[in-house]
Amino acid sequence: MHKQRILVVGQTPPPYGGQAIMIQRLLEGTYSS
């Protein structure tokens, strides 16, 4: 099985709030396939 690539469009911190925090957590997370 190979790694999938995704494109995330949005802001990353700073600023600290809402969408930026969730995108940062999404990018730093580890996921099983």
C-alpha atoms as a PDB file:
ATOM      1  CA  MET A   1       0.000   0.000   0.000  1.00  0.00           C
ATOM      2  CA  HIS A   2       1.279   3.490  -0.762  1.00  0.00           C
ATOM      3  CA  LYS A   3       0.844   6.797   0.981  1.00  0.00           C
ATOM      4  CA  GLN A   4      -1.864   9.041  -0.358  1.00  0.00           C
ATOM      5  CA  ARG A   5      -1.207  12.700  -0.934  1.00  0.00           C
ATOM      6  CA  ILE A   6      -3.688  15.374  -0.017  1.00  0.00           C
ATOM      7  CA  LEU A   7      -3.693  19.089  -0.658  1.00  0.00           C
ATOM      8  CA  VAL A   8      -4.774  21.276   2.259  1.00  0.00           C
ATOM      9  CA  VAL A   9      -5.622  24.868   1.423  1.00  0.00           C
ATOM     10  CA  GLY A  10      -6.025  27.357   4.251  1.00  0.00           C
ATOM     11  CA  GLN A  11      -4.121  29.300   6.823  1.00  0.00           C
ATOM     12  CA  THR A  12      -1.702  27.820   9.336  1.00  0.00           C
ATOM     13  CA  PRO A  13      -0.889  29.503  12.662  1.00  0.00           C
ATOM     14  CA  PRO A  14      -0.417  32.324  13.342  1.00  0.00           C
ATOM     15  CA  PRO A  15      -3.146  33.620  13.625  1.00  0.00           C
ATOM     16  CA  TYR A  16      -4.234  31.248  16.361  1.00  0.00           C
ATOM     17  CA  GLY A  17      -7.874  30.389  16.073  1.00  0.00           C
ATOM     18  CA  GLY A  18     -10.525  28.257  14.439  1.00  0.00           C
ATOM     19  CA  GLN A  19      -9.568  27.037  10.982  1.00  0.00           C
ATOM     20  CA  ALA A  20      -5.821  27.574  11.452  1.00  0.00           C
ATOM     21  CA  ILE A  21      -5.682  25.382  14.580  1.00  0.00           C
ATOM     22  CA  MET A  22      -7.689  22.569  12.976  1.00  0.00           C
ATOM     23  CA  ILE A  23      -5.500  22.588   9.855  1.00  0.00           C
ATOM     24  CA  GLN A  24      -2.377  22.426  12.021  1.00  0.00           C
ATOM     25  CA  ARG A  25      -3.775  19.428  13.939  1.00  0.00           C
ATOM     26  CA  LEU A  26      -4.756  17.720  10.691  1.00  0.00           C
ATOM     27  CA  LEU A  27      -1.254  18.122   9.267  1.00  0.00           C
ATOM     28  CA  GLU A  28       0.513  16.973  12.450  1.00  0.00           C
ATOM     29  CA  GLY A  29      -1.706  13.947  13.006  1.00  0.00           C
ATOM     30  CA  THR A  30      -0.843  10.310  12.328  1.00  0.00           C
ATOM     31  CA  TYR A  31      -3.381   8.159  10.547  1.00  0.00           C
ATOM     32  CA  SER A  32      -3.746   4.472   9.799  1.00  0.00           C
ATOM     33  CA  SER A  33      -4.993   3.377   6.415  1.00  0.00           C
END
